[in-house]
Amino acid sequence: MKKYPYFVCLLPIVSEEDIIGVAKIISDKLVGGIPFGGLEDYIYEEVPAVYIKESILGFELVIQGYGGEDGYVLEVRSDPRNSEPNDVREIRVDITNYIASLLEGTEKIKIVYDEISEKEYINISE
């Protein structure tokens, strides 16, 4: 049976910036400045979150969290509007460390590596 990837990334980040500032930094570094928005949409009920409204290469991007000591989480995952073909089996592809490597050394944000250190560089699990 063919396999269809479902990509996921849950990257913990700390920053002195507010969620809008972190979103701008990440947007400039990863997606050419495409703006995050939707803070007023409350997509995660009481947890502040911003997202990019359009799919980028089939990915959905969300930043959520309270900031401060709690930090933020950058979520990148396959957009739920992607529909897998009927004759395939979905497999999970964790790209957290790949996204971390793209953001490594970015000013004003710090990746919380102890929370992701046990993961492989790119892990494909079935």
Protein backbone atom coordinates (compact mmCIF):
# COMPACT_ATOMS: atom_id res chain seq x y z
CA MET A 1 0.00 0.00 0.00
CA LYS A 2 1.22 3.50 -0.79
CA LYS A 3 2.02 5.88 2.06
CA TYR A 4 0.84 9.46 2.42
CA PRO A 5 2.80 11.77 4.76
CA TYR A 6 1.15 13.77 7.53
CA PHE A 7 3.72 16.35 8.61
CA VAL A 8 3.90 17.67 12.19
CA CYS A 9 6.09 20.07 14.13
CA LEU A 10 5.64 21.20 17.73
CA LEU A 11 8.56 23.51 18.42
CA PRO A 12 8.80 25.20 21.85
CA ILE A 13 10.20 28.74 21.71
CA VAL A 14 10.87 31.41 24.33
CA SER A 15 11.14 35.10 23.62
CA GLU A 16 10.78 38.47 25.29
CA GLU A 17 8.61 39.48 22.33
CA ASP A 18 4.82 39.26 22.41
CA ILE A 19 3.06 36.74 20.16
CA ILE A 20 2.79 39.24 17.28
CA GLY A 21 6.53 39.99 17.49
CA VAL A 22 7.40 36.29 17.52
CA ALA A 23 5.09 35.72 14.56
CA LYS A 24 6.83 38.46 12.57
CA ILE A 25 10.27 37.02 13.34
CA ILE A 26 9.22 33.50 12.34
CA SER A 27 7.38 34.71 9.26
CA ASP A 28 10.41 36.67 8.04
CA LYS A 29 12.68 33.67 8.60
CA LEU A 30 10.49 30.84 7.26
CA VAL A 31 7.89 32.15 4.82
CA GLY A 32 9.15 35.40 3.35
CA GLY A 33 7.15 37.75 5.56
CA ILE A 34 3.65 36.35 5.00
CA PRO A 35 1.76 37.79 7.97
CA PHE A 36 0.23 35.78 10.78
CA GLY A 37 -3.18 36.94 11.96
CA GLY A 38 -6.30 35.70 13.68
CA LEU A 39 -5.47 36.60 17.28
CA GLU A 40 -9.08 37.72 17.64
CA ASP A 41 -10.39 34.39 16.28
CA TYR A 42 -9.53 32.50 19.51
CA ILE A 43 -8.80 29.29 17.60
CA TYR A 44 -7.52 27.66 20.81
CA GLU A 45 -10.21 29.08 23.10
CA GLU A 46 -8.33 30.79 25.94
CA VAL A 47 -4.76 30.30 24.68
CA PRO A 48 -3.57 33.17 22.47
CA ALA A 49 -2.81 31.96 18.94
CA VAL A 50 -2.03 33.42 15.54
CA TYR A 51 -1.91 31.62 12.23
CA ILE A 52 -1.32 32.08 8.52
CA LYS A 53 -4.70 31.87 6.83
CA GLU A 54 -3.48 30.25 3.61
CA SER A 55 -1.74 26.92 3.19
CA ILE A 56 1.97 27.16 2.39
CA LEU A 57 3.21 24.14 0.43
CA GLY A 58 0.35 22.20 2.01
CA PHE A 59 1.28 23.25 5.55
CA GLU A 60 -0.70 25.08 8.21
CA LEU A 61 1.34 27.33 10.55
CA VAL A 62 0.18 28.35 14.04
CA ILE A 63 1.97 30.04 16.94
CA GLN A 64 0.28 29.64 20.30
CA GLY A 65 1.07 30.36 23.92
CA TYR A 66 1.22 32.96 26.63
CA GLY A 67 4.87 33.95 26.27
CA GLY A 68 7.08 34.76 29.22
CA GLU A 69 8.38 31.70 31.07
CA ASP A 70 5.70 29.54 29.43
CA GLY A 71 6.92 30.51 25.98
CA TYR A 72 5.23 29.71 22.70
CA VAL A 73 4.81 26.70 20.46
CA LEU A 74 5.25 26.88 16.71
CA GLU A 75 3.00 24.29 15.12
CA VAL A 76 3.52 23.27 11.52
CA ARG A 77 1.37 20.46 10.18
CA SER A 78 -0.27 19.23 7.05
CA ASP A 79 -3.20 21.47 6.27
CA PRO A 80 -6.46 19.69 7.18
CA ARG A 81 -7.85 20.70 3.78
CA ASN A 82 -5.36 18.31 2.14
CA SER A 83 -7.19 15.13 1.34
CA GLU A 84 -5.26 11.92 1.10
CA PRO A 85 -6.00 9.56 -1.76
CA ASN A 86 -8.25 6.61 -0.91
CA ASP A 87 -5.66 3.97 -1.79
CA VAL A 88 -2.97 5.09 0.69
CA ARG A 89 -2.11 4.78 4.33
CA GLU A 90 -1.23 7.94 6.26
CA ILE A 91 2.14 8.03 8.05
CA ARG A 92 3.31 10.68 10.50
CA VAL A 93 6.47 12.62 9.62
CA ASP A 94 7.84 14.70 12.51
CA ILE A 95 9.76 17.69 11.15
CA THR A 96 10.26 19.49 14.48
CA ASN A 97 14.04 19.28 14.44
CA TYR A 98 14.16 20.30 10.78
CA ILE A 99 12.16 23.46 11.52
CA ALA A 100 14.39 24.05 14.58
CA SER A 101 17.46 23.89 12.32
CA LEU A 102 15.91 26.52 10.02
CA LEU A 103 15.32 28.86 12.98
CA GLU A 104 18.64 28.17 14.72
CA GLY A 105 20.44 31.39 15.63
CA THR A 106 17.49 33.66 14.87
CA GLU A 107 17.68 36.82 16.98
CA LYS A 108 15.06 37.43 19.67
CA ILE A 109 13.84 33.82 19.86
CA LYS A 110 15.32 30.81 21.61
CA ILE A 111 14.44 27.21 20.84
CA VAL A 112 13.85 25.03 23.90
CA TYR A 113 16.01 22.11 22.82
CA ASP A 114 15.62 20.06 26.02
CA GLU A 115 11.98 19.51 25.10
CA ILE A 116 12.83 18.15 21.65
CA SER A 117 16.28 16.59 22.24
CA GLU A 118 15.01 13.02 22.40
CA LYS A 119 13.60 13.18 18.88
CA GLU A 120 15.42 12.10 15.76
CA TYR A 121 16.40 14.70 13.14
CA ILE A 122 13.46 13.68 10.99
CA ASN A 123 11.39 10.82 12.36
CA ILE A 124 9.10 8.77 10.13
CA SER A 125 6.89 6.47 12.14
CA GLU A 126 4.22 4.14 10.88
